[in-house]
Amino acid sequence: LSSIMGVHLVGSVGGGDMPCCITVLNSYSGWALVAEGFLLNSPILTTIGSLIGFSGAILTKIMCDAMNRDIMNVIFGGIAVPPKKAGAIEEEPRVHVEATSESAAALLAASKSVVIVPGYGMAVARAQGAVAELASALRGADIECRFGIHPVAGRMPGQMNVLLAEAGVPYDWVLEMEEINPDMEKTDVCIVIGANDITNSAAEEDPDCPIAGMPVLQVWNAKKTIFMKRTMAGGYADIDNPVFYKENTEMLLGDAKDRTDELARKVKDILSA
């Protein structure tokens, strides 16, 4: 019975909300441990379960606030989903512009202000060291380079901060979404590494979008935006990102670590010439 309940509960959760669902399940496991502690008359199990339950609940609240979602909407969001508008005309295939490592390196070397937006793709590729090397190279040439972090980038709050700290990125280079968004219009180049949903302009522009209302990093406001992704596929929410097709956006496709290593090397060559 519990297995059937679990399958139905998780099955109704949308892809973009799954990180929140994971923290909810983490909280559930804590409360289950509390119940077990009461049954076995074990204060240790009860105490540990309480810590797990409360920490999971607090983390869920933080993530729901960051995504501008209600917890009930997350858990039951896949139920009674409104149908697509009848008679809607299918959009024509949109064309994206692809960049090369050489062109991207030239843009970065000629910039005065750069913002790097890391995402889950950076974590999967373990590219934080290469990203830190790129940022250091730009900083060493007196180019302002900062990091813009979304509250739920990755799989949980703080994941990007931890990875960047592990790579030796100073804390004062890292800014939160609310701090970096107002400066996007003054940014020469914004390079997005392995992030998708947290940069999706549809969250602000399309009220029918599954992530409508979610605060996002407004990377499209930069003078030039470069997306580093493995493919053109959607992110966790499995929806297309209109920013890919904007006039000021270029796609640098490939493995994040390989591409960033190559980019850092070429930027150093240009700056040292």
C-alpha atoms as a PDB file:
ATOM      1  CA  LEU A   1       0.000   0.000   0.000  1.00  0.00           C
ATOM      2  CA  SER A   2       2.793   2.414   0.916  1.00  0.00           C
ATOM      3  CA  SER A   3       4.611   1.630  -2.363  1.00  0.00           C
ATOM      4  CA  ILE A   4       1.481   2.364  -4.425  1.00  0.00           C
ATOM      5  CA  MET A   5       0.934   5.603  -2.503  1.00  0.00           C
ATOM      6  CA  GLY A   6       4.558   6.631  -3.111  1.00  0.00           C
ATOM      7  CA  VAL A   7       4.361   5.970  -6.852  1.00  0.00           C
ATOM      8  CA  HIS A   8       1.137   7.974  -7.216  1.00  0.00           C
ATOM      9  CA  LEU A   9       2.446  10.830  -5.077  1.00  0.00           C
ATOM     10  CA  VAL A  10       5.696  11.242  -7.022  1.00  0.00           C
ATOM     11  CA  GLY A  11       4.081  10.505 -10.388  1.00  0.00           C
ATOM     12  CA  SER A  12       1.992  13.673 -10.203  1.00  0.00           C
ATOM     13  CA  VAL A  13       5.012  15.929  -9.671  1.00  0.00           C
ATOM     14  CA  GLY A  14       6.261  17.931 -12.658  1.00  0.00           C
ATOM     15  CA  GLY A  15       9.880  17.526 -13.730  1.00  0.00           C
ATOM     16  CA  GLY A  16      10.859  21.067 -12.720  1.00  0.00           C
ATOM     17  CA  ASP A  17       9.459  20.501  -9.235  1.00  0.00           C
ATOM     18  CA  MET A  18      11.214  17.187  -8.633  1.00  0.00           C
ATOM     19  CA  PRO A  19      14.063  18.718  -6.537  1.00  0.00           C
ATOM     20  CA  CYS A  20      11.403  20.026  -4.128  1.00  0.00           C
ATOM     21  CA  CYS A  21       9.748  16.609  -4.087  1.00  0.00           C
ATOM     22  CA  ILE A  22      13.084  15.013  -3.171  1.00  0.00           C
ATOM     23  CA  THR A  23      13.418  17.275  -0.119  1.00  0.00           C
ATOM     24  CA  VAL A  24       9.820  16.477   0.863  1.00  0.00           C
ATOM     25  CA  LEU A  25      10.592  12.749   0.718  1.00  0.00           C
ATOM     26  CA  ASN A  26      13.720  13.411   2.771  1.00  0.00           C
ATOM     27  CA  SER A  27      11.556  15.084   5.392  1.00  0.00           C
ATOM     28  CA  TYR A  28       9.098  12.164   5.287  1.00  0.00           C
ATOM     29  CA  SER A  29      11.919   9.731   6.044  1.00  0.00           C
ATOM     30  CA  GLY A  30      12.740  11.725   9.173  1.00  0.00           C
ATOM     31  CA  TRP A  31       9.181  11.606  10.472  1.00  0.00           C
ATOM     32  CA  ALA A  32       9.047   7.870   9.729  1.00  0.00           C
ATOM     33  CA  LEU A  33      12.166   7.491  11.867  1.00  0.00           C
ATOM     34  CA  VAL A  34      10.477   9.480  14.642  1.00  0.00           C
ATOM     35  CA  ALA A  35       7.515   7.079  14.561  1.00  0.00           C
ATOM     36  CA  GLU A  36       9.894   4.136  14.697  1.00  0.00           C
ATOM     37  CA  GLY A  37      11.667   5.716  17.663  1.00  0.00           C
ATOM     38  CA  PHE A  38       8.380   6.012  19.549  1.00  0.00           C
ATOM     39  CA  LEU A  39       7.457   2.406  18.772  1.00  0.00           C
ATOM     40  CA  LEU A  40      10.849   1.102  19.917  1.00  0.00           C
ATOM     41  CA  ASN A  41      11.017   3.543  22.824  1.00  0.00           C
ATOM     42  CA  SER A  42      14.355   4.831  21.470  1.00  0.00           C
ATOM     43  CA  PRO A  43      15.118   8.498  22.253  1.00  0.00           C
ATOM     44  CA  ILE A  44      18.106   8.439  19.886  1.00  0.00           C
ATOM     45  CA  LEU A  45      16.007   7.407  16.869  1.00  0.00           C
ATOM     46  CA  THR A  46      13.348   9.958  17.792  1.00  0.00           C
ATOM     47  CA  THR A  47      15.905  12.778  18.093  1.00  0.00           C
ATOM     48  CA  ILE A  48      17.716  11.929  14.863  1.00  0.00           C
ATOM     49  CA  GLY A  49      14.417  11.538  13.014  1.00  0.00           C
ATOM     50  CA  SER A  50      13.275  14.949  14.250  1.00  0.00           C
ATOM     51  CA  LEU A  51      16.471  16.559  12.963  1.00  0.00           C
ATOM     52  CA  ILE A  52      16.073  14.913   9.549  1.00  0.00           C
ATOM     53  CA  GLY A  53      12.368  15.756   9.363  1.00  0.00           C
ATOM     54  CA  PHE A  54      12.775  19.408  10.311  1.00  0.00           C
ATOM     55  CA  SER A  55      15.839  19.929   8.104  1.00  0.00           C
ATOM     56  CA  GLY A  56      13.985  18.440   5.127  1.00  0.00           C
ATOM     57  CA  ALA A  57      10.965  20.630   5.817  1.00  0.00           C
ATOM     58  CA  ILE A  58      13.092  23.775   6.102  1.00  0.00           C
ATOM     59  CA  LEU A  59      14.961  22.938   2.887  1.00  0.00           C
ATOM     60  CA  THR A  60      11.638  22.348   1.114  1.00  0.00           C
ATOM     61  CA  LYS A  61      10.371  25.751   2.285  1.00  0.00           C
ATOM     62  CA  ILE A  62      13.544  27.463   1.026  1.00  0.00           C
ATOM     63  CA  MET A  63      13.278  25.783  -2.381  1.00  0.00           C
ATOM     64  CA  CYS A  64       9.555  26.492  -2.753  1.00  0.00           C
ATOM     65  CA  ASP A  65      10.136  30.174  -1.935  1.00  0.00           C
ATOM     66  CA  ALA A  66      12.983  30.332  -4.464  1.00  0.00           C
ATOM     67  CA  MET A  67      10.737  28.815  -7.159  1.00  0.00           C
ATOM     68  CA  ASN A  68       7.727  30.924  -6.139  1.00  0.00           C
ATOM     69  CA  ARG A  69       5.681  27.764  -5.686  1.00  0.00           C
ATOM     70  CA  ASP A  70       3.331  26.494  -3.009  1.00  0.00           C
ATOM     71  CA  ILE A  71       4.148  23.090  -1.534  1.00  0.00           C
ATOM     72  CA  MET A  72       0.648  21.756  -2.257  1.00  0.00           C
ATOM     73  CA  ASN A  73       1.014  22.925  -5.859  1.00  0.00           C
ATOM     74  CA  VAL A  74       4.333  21.070  -6.108  1.00  0.00           C
ATOM     75  CA  ILE A  75       2.995  17.780  -4.720  1.00  0.00           C
ATOM     76  CA  PHE A  76      -0.328  17.826  -6.573  1.00  0.00           C
ATOM     77  CA  GLY A  77       0.784  19.971  -9.533  1.00  0.00           C
ATOM     78  CA  GLY A  78       0.450  17.174 -12.097  1.00  0.00           C
ATOM     79  CA  ILE A  79      -3.210  16.639 -11.228  1.00  0.00           C
ATOM     80  CA  ALA A  80      -5.866  18.583 -13.170  1.00  0.00           C
ATOM     81  CA  VAL A  81      -3.300  20.175 -15.489  1.00  0.00           C
ATOM     82  CA  PRO A  82      -5.125  22.511 -17.908  1.00  0.00           C
ATOM     83  CA  PRO A  83      -5.208  21.227 -21.504  1.00  0.00           C
ATOM     84  CA  LYS A  84      -3.423  23.020 -24.321  1.00  0.00           C
ATOM     85  CA  LYS A  85      -5.384  25.755 -26.004  1.00  0.00           C
ATOM     86  CA  ALA A  86      -7.517  24.407 -28.804  1.00  0.00           C
ATOM     87  CA  GLY A  87      -6.679  25.546 -32.292  1.00  0.00           C
ATOM     88  CA  ALA A  88      -3.233  26.739 -31.329  1.00  0.00           C
ATOM     89  CA  ILE A  89      -0.954  27.101 -34.324  1.00  0.00           C
ATOM     90  CA  GLU A  90       2.295  25.225 -34.078  1.00  0.00           C
ATOM     91  CA  GLU A  91       5.325  27.478 -34.117  1.00  0.00           C
ATOM     92  CA  GLU A  92       7.800  27.226 -36.939  1.00  0.00           C
ATOM     93  CA  PRO A  93      11.139  25.634 -36.043  1.00  0.00           C
ATOM     94  CA  ARG A  94      13.416  28.255 -34.542  1.00  0.00           C
ATOM     95  CA  VAL A  95      17.044  28.619 -35.486  1.00  0.00           C
ATOM     96  CA  HIS A  96      19.870  29.027 -33.008  1.00  0.00           C
ATOM     97  CA  VAL A  97      23.349  30.409 -33.619  1.00  0.00           C
ATOM     98  CA  GLU A  98      26.313  28.265 -32.660  1.00  0.00           C
ATOM     99  CA  ALA A  99      29.586  29.716 -31.395  1.00  0.00           C
ATOM    100  CA  THR A 100      33.089  28.290 -31.492  1.00  0.00           C
ATOM    101  CA  SER A 101      35.639  28.251 -28.709  1.00  0.00           C
ATOM    102  CA  GLU A 102      37.686  30.791 -30.677  1.00  0.00           C
ATOM    103  CA  SER A 103      34.808  33.251 -31.112  1.00  0.00           C
ATOM    104  CA  ALA A 104      33.689  32.879 -27.489  1.00  0.00           C
ATOM    105  CA  ALA A 105      37.251  33.388 -26.217  1.00  0.00           C
ATOM    106  CA  ALA A 106      37.609  36.521 -28.356  1.00  0.00           C
ATOM    107  CA  LEU A 107      34.369  37.927 -26.923  1.00  0.00           C
ATOM    108  CA  LEU A 108      35.457  37.243 -23.355  1.00  0.00           C
ATOM    109  CA  ALA A 109      38.940  38.719 -23.876  1.00  0.00           C
ATOM    110  CA  ALA A 110      37.460  41.900 -25.353  1.00  0.00           C
ATOM    111  CA  SER A 111      34.922  42.357 -22.564  1.00  0.00           C
ATOM    112  CA  LYS A 112      35.046  44.643 -19.562  1.00  0.00           C
ATOM    113  CA  SER A 113      32.361  42.870 -17.550  1.00  0.00           C
ATOM    114  CA  VAL A 114      31.564  39.143 -17.525  1.00  0.00           C
ATOM    115  CA  VAL A 115      28.977  37.156 -15.554  1.00  0.00           C
ATOM    116  CA  ILE A 116      29.214  33.372 -15.260  1.00  0.00           C
ATOM    117  CA  VAL A 117      26.029  31.449 -14.426  1.00  0.00           C
ATOM    118  CA  PRO A 118      26.755  27.856 -13.327  1.00  0.00           C
ATOM    119  CA  GLY A 119      24.143  25.113 -13.256  1.00  0.00           C
ATOM    120  CA  TYR A 120      23.698  21.402 -12.726  1.00  0.00           C
ATOM    121  CA  GLY A 121      25.511  20.648 -15.976  1.00  0.00           C
ATOM    122  CA  MET A 122      28.680  22.119 -14.501  1.00  0.00           C
ATOM    123  CA  ALA A 123      28.341  19.835 -11.492  1.00  0.00           C
ATOM    124  CA  VAL A 124      27.763  16.733 -13.635  1.00  0.00           C
ATOM    125  CA  ALA A 125      30.791  17.505 -15.817  1.00  0.00           C
ATOM    126  CA  ARG A 126      32.882  18.406 -12.741  1.00  0.00           C
ATOM    127  CA  ALA A 127      33.900  21.573 -14.524  1.00  0.00           C
ATOM    128  CA  GLN A 128      34.152  23.837 -11.460  1.00  0.00           C
ATOM    129  CA  GLY A 129      37.963  23.775 -11.547  1.00  0.00           C
ATOM    130  CA  ALA A 130      38.038  24.823 -15.206  1.00  0.00           C
ATOM    131  CA  VAL A 131      35.427  27.510 -14.539  1.00  0.00           C
ATOM    132  CA  ALA A 132      37.503  28.894 -11.664  1.00  0.00           C
ATOM    133  CA  GLU A 133      40.572  28.921 -13.928  1.00  0.00           C
ATOM    134  CA  LEU A 134      38.642  30.871 -16.584  1.00  0.00           C
ATOM    135  CA  ALA A 135      37.407  33.400 -14.029  1.00  0.00           C
ATOM    136  CA  SER A 136      40.914  33.854 -12.622  1.00  0.00           C
ATOM    137  CA  ALA A 137      42.332  34.437 -16.111  1.00  0.00           C
ATOM    138  CA  LEU A 138      39.740  37.155 -16.766  1.00  0.00           C
ATOM    139  CA  ARG A 139      40.281  38.753 -13.361  1.00  0.00           C
ATOM    140  CA  GLY A 140      44.022  38.698 -13.937  1.00  0.00           C
ATOM    141  CA  ALA A 141      43.496  40.831 -17.049  1.00  0.00           C
ATOM    142  CA  ASP A 142      41.440  43.406 -15.083  1.00  0.00           C
ATOM    143  CA  ILE A 143      38.180  42.140 -16.574  1.00  0.00           C
ATOM    144  CA  GLU A 144      35.355  42.192 -14.030  1.00  0.00           C
ATOM    145  CA  CYS A 145      34.184  38.600 -13.678  1.00  0.00           C
ATOM    146  CA  ARG A 146      31.442  37.584 -11.273  1.00  0.00           C
ATOM    147  CA  PHE A 147      29.225  34.560 -10.705  1.00  0.00           C
ATOM    148  CA  GLY A 148      25.418  34.707 -10.626  1.00  0.00           C
ATOM    149  CA  ILE A 149      23.870  31.973  -8.482  1.00  0.00           C
ATOM    150  CA  HIS A 150      20.202  30.962  -8.563  1.00  0.00           C
ATOM    151  CA  PRO A 151      18.815  29.743  -5.203  1.00  0.00           C
ATOM    152  CA  VAL A 152      17.870  26.328  -6.618  1.00  0.00           C
ATOM    153  CA  ALA A 153      20.643  25.877  -9.189  1.00  0.00           C
ATOM    154  CA  GLY A 154      21.656  22.226  -9.224  1.00  0.00           C
ATOM    155  CA  ARG A 155      19.670  19.893  -7.049  1.00  0.00           C
ATOM    156  CA  MET A 156      19.544  21.826  -3.787  1.00  0.00           C
ATOM    157  CA  PRO A 157      20.248  25.321  -2.431  1.00  0.00           C
ATOM    158  CA  GLY A 158      23.940  26.055  -2.054  1.00  0.00           C
ATOM    159  CA  GLN A 159      25.243  23.319  -4.360  1.00  0.00           C
ATOM    160  CA  MET A 160      26.873  25.776  -6.766  1.00  0.00           C
ATOM    161  CA  ASN A 161      28.351  27.798  -3.896  1.00  0.00           C
ATOM    162  CA  VAL A 162      29.944  24.670  -2.450  1.00  0.00           C
ATOM    163  CA  LEU A 163      31.391  23.589  -5.810  1.00  0.00           C
ATOM    164  CA  LEU A 164      32.845  27.031  -6.508  1.00  0.00           C
ATOM    165  CA  ALA A 165      34.312  27.235  -3.008  1.00  0.00           C
ATOM    166  CA  GLU A 166      35.839  23.791  -3.564  1.00  0.00           C
ATOM    167  CA  ALA A 167      37.472  25.154  -6.734  1.00  0.00           C
ATOM    168  CA  GLY A 168      38.934  28.097  -4.828  1.00  0.00           C
ATOM    169  CA  VAL A 169      36.615  30.857  -6.084  1.00  0.00           C
ATOM    170  CA  PRO A 170      36.629  33.754  -3.544  1.00  0.00           C
ATOM    171  CA  TYR A 171      33.292  34.446  -1.877  1.00  0.00           C
ATOM    172  CA  ASP A 172      33.217  38.074  -3.008  1.00  0.00           C
ATOM    173  CA  TRP A 173      33.122  36.937  -6.658  1.00  0.00           C
ATOM    174  CA  VAL A 174      29.856  35.081  -6.063  1.00  0.00           C
ATOM    175  CA  LEU A 175      26.555  36.982  -6.049  1.00  0.00           C
ATOM    176  CA  GLU A 176      22.973  35.858  -5.533  1.00  0.00           C
ATOM    177  CA  MET A 177      20.273  36.227  -8.183  1.00  0.00           C
ATOM    178  CA  GLU A 178      18.780  39.366  -6.622  1.00  0.00           C
ATOM    179  CA  GLU A 179      22.196  41.029  -6.594  1.00  0.00           C
ATOM    180  CA  ILE A 180      23.294  40.164 -10.138  1.00  0.00           C
ATOM    181  CA  ASN A 181      20.046  40.648 -12.114  1.00  0.00           C
ATOM    182  CA  PRO A 182      20.090  44.491 -11.951  1.00  0.00           C
ATOM    183  CA  ASP A 183      23.624  44.463 -13.428  1.00  0.00           C
ATOM    184  CA  MET A 184      22.848  42.194 -16.396  1.00  0.00           C
ATOM    185  CA  GLU A 185      22.130  45.080 -18.774  1.00  0.00           C
ATOM    186  CA  LYS A 186      25.608  46.484 -18.075  1.00  0.00           C
ATOM    187  CA  THR A 187      27.282  43.108 -18.649  1.00  0.00           C
ATOM    188  CA  ASP A 188      29.208  42.624 -21.877  1.00  0.00           C
ATOM    189  CA  VAL A 189      29.130  38.819 -21.874  1.00  0.00           C
ATOM    190  CA  CYS A 190      27.085  36.392 -19.775  1.00  0.00           C
ATOM    191  CA  ILE A 191      28.255  32.801 -20.074  1.00  0.00           C
ATOM    192  CA  VAL A 192      25.847  30.119 -18.873  1.00  0.00           C
ATOM    193  CA  ILE A 193      27.464  26.790 -18.022  1.00  0.00           C
ATOM    194  CA  GLY A 194      25.087  23.844 -17.746  1.00  0.00           C
ATOM    195  CA  ALA A 195      22.041  25.840 -16.595  1.00  0.00           C
ATOM    196  CA  ASN A 196      18.652  25.871 -18.319  1.00  0.00           C
ATOM    197  CA  ASP A 197      15.398  26.288 -16.358  1.00  0.00           C
ATOM    198  CA  ILE A 198      16.866  28.916 -14.022  1.00  0.00           C
ATOM    199  CA  THR A 199      17.594  31.126 -17.069  1.00  0.00           C
ATOM    200  CA  ASN A 200      14.353  30.485 -18.968  1.00  0.00           C
ATOM    201  CA  SER A 201      12.694  33.761 -19.989  1.00  0.00           C
ATOM    202  CA  ALA A 202       9.364  31.935 -20.469  1.00  0.00           C
ATOM    203  CA  ALA A 203       8.984  31.985 -16.676  1.00  0.00           C
ATOM    204  CA  GLU A 204       8.430  35.755 -16.980  1.00  0.00           C
ATOM    205  CA  GLU A 205       6.947  36.003 -20.471  1.00  0.00           C
ATOM    206  CA  ASP A 206       4.567  33.024 -20.816  1.00  0.00           C
ATOM    207  CA  PRO A 207       1.808  32.675 -18.187  1.00  0.00           C
ATOM    208  CA  ASP A 208       0.994  29.171 -19.496  1.00  0.00           C
ATOM    209  CA  CYS A 209       4.557  27.950 -19.000  1.00  0.00           C
ATOM    210  CA  PRO A 210       4.977  25.153 -16.377  1.00  0.00           C
ATOM    211  CA  ILE A 211       7.548  27.304 -14.533  1.00  0.00           C
ATOM    212  CA  ALA A 212       5.604  30.565 -14.885  1.00  0.00           C
ATOM    213  CA  GLY A 213       6.274  32.887 -11.964  1.00  0.00           C
ATOM    214  CA  MET A 214       9.544  31.254 -10.962  1.00  0.00           C
ATOM    215  CA  PRO A 215      12.265  33.879 -10.410  1.00  0.00           C
ATOM    216  CA  VAL A 216      15.046  33.404 -12.970  1.00  0.00           C
ATOM    217  CA  LEU A 217      18.429  34.877 -13.812  1.00  0.00           C
ATOM    218  CA  GLN A 218      17.797  37.405 -16.585  1.00  0.00           C
ATOM    219  CA  VAL A 219      20.777  36.375 -18.700  1.00  0.00           C
ATOM    220  CA  TRP A 220      19.073  37.550 -21.907  1.00  0.00           C
ATOM    221  CA  ASN A 221      19.543  41.176 -20.771  1.00  0.00           C
ATOM    222  CA  ALA A 222      23.322  40.946 -21.207  1.00  0.00           C
ATOM    223  CA  LYS A 223      24.815  42.419 -24.379  1.00  0.00           C
ATOM    224  CA  LYS A 224      25.941  38.929 -25.391  1.00  0.00           C
ATOM    225  CA  THR A 225      24.888  35.587 -23.917  1.00  0.00           C
ATOM    226  CA  ILE A 226      26.745  32.324 -24.493  1.00  0.00           C
ATOM    227  CA  PHE A 227      25.114  29.039 -23.454  1.00  0.00           C
ATOM    228  CA  MET A 228      27.401  26.081 -22.842  1.00  0.00           C
ATOM    229  CA  LYS A 229      25.316  22.906 -23.025  1.00  0.00           C
ATOM    230  CA  ARG A 230      25.825  19.346 -24.167  1.00  0.00           C
ATOM    231  CA  THR A 231      22.790  19.494 -26.496  1.00  0.00           C
ATOM    232  CA  MET A 232      19.797  21.711 -27.274  1.00  0.00           C
ATOM    233  CA  ALA A 233      17.554  19.537 -25.081  1.00  0.00           C
ATOM    234  CA  GLY A 234      15.364  20.990 -22.344  1.00  0.00           C
ATOM    235  CA  GLY A 235      16.293  21.094 -18.677  1.00  0.00           C
ATOM    236  CA  TYR A 236      14.726  19.417 -15.658  1.00  0.00           C
ATOM    237  CA  ALA A 237      11.285  20.819 -16.526  1.00  0.00           C
ATOM    238  CA  ASP A 238      11.713  19.485 -20.099  1.00  0.00           C
ATOM    239  CA  ILE A 239      10.594  22.734 -21.762  1.00  0.00           C
ATOM    240  CA  ASP A 240      12.250  24.769 -24.473  1.00  0.00           C
ATOM    241  CA  ASN A 241      14.202  27.885 -23.522  1.00  0.00           C
ATOM    242  CA  PRO A 242      13.369  30.903 -25.750  1.00  0.00           C
ATOM    243  CA  VAL A 243      16.673  32.539 -24.766  1.00  0.00           C
ATOM    244  CA  PHE A 244      18.487  30.012 -27.000  1.00  0.00           C
ATOM    245  CA  TYR A 245      16.978  31.696 -30.047  1.00  0.00           C
ATOM    246  CA  LYS A 246      17.378  35.365 -29.152  1.00  0.00           C
ATOM    247  CA  GLU A 247      19.530  37.577 -31.369  1.00  0.00           C
ATOM    248  CA  ASN A 248      22.182  38.154 -28.715  1.00  0.00           C
ATOM    249  CA  THR A 249      22.537  34.459 -27.817  1.00  0.00           C
ATOM    250  CA  GLU A 250      25.039  31.932 -29.124  1.00  0.00           C
ATOM    251  CA  MET A 251      25.263  28.231 -28.259  1.00  0.00           C
ATOM    252  CA  LEU A 252      28.591  26.566 -27.461  1.00  0.00           C
ATOM    253  CA  LEU A 253      27.637  22.893 -27.454  1.00  0.00           C
ATOM    254  CA  GLY A 254      29.701  20.076 -25.983  1.00  0.00           C
ATOM    255  CA  ASP A 255      30.978  18.700 -22.684  1.00  0.00           C
ATOM    256  CA  ALA A 256      31.151  21.517 -20.124  1.00  0.00           C
ATOM    257  CA  LYS A 257      34.568  20.597 -18.768  1.00  0.00           C
ATOM    258  CA  ASP A 258      36.203  20.098 -22.159  1.00  0.00           C
ATOM    259  CA  ARG A 259      34.709  23.300 -23.529  1.00  0.00           C
ATOM    260  CA  THR A 260      35.633  25.352 -20.455  1.00  0.00           C
ATOM    261  CA  ASP A 261      39.186  24.011 -20.423  1.00  0.00           C
ATOM    262  CA  GLU A 262      39.515  24.918 -24.086  1.00  0.00           C
ATOM    263  CA  LEU A 263      37.950  28.324 -23.501  1.00  0.00           C
ATOM    264  CA  ALA A 264      40.239  29.132 -20.579  1.00  0.00           C
ATOM    265  CA  ARG A 265      43.306  28.129 -22.602  1.00  0.00           C
ATOM    266  CA  LYS A 266      42.326  30.258 -25.599  1.00  0.00           C
ATOM    267  CA  VAL A 267      41.443  33.264 -23.404  1.00  0.00           C
ATOM    268  CA  LYS A 268      44.865  33.058 -21.759  1.00  0.00           C
ATOM    269  CA  ASP A 269      46.539  32.892 -25.185  1.00  0.00           C
ATOM    270  CA  ILE A 270      44.670  35.992 -26.396  1.00  0.00           C
ATOM    271  CA  LEU A 271      45.318  37.979 -23.208  1.00  0.00           C
ATOM    272  CA  SER A 272      49.017  37.108 -23.169  1.00  0.00           C
ATOM    273  CA  ALA A 273      49.557  37.972 -26.842  1.00  0.00           C
END
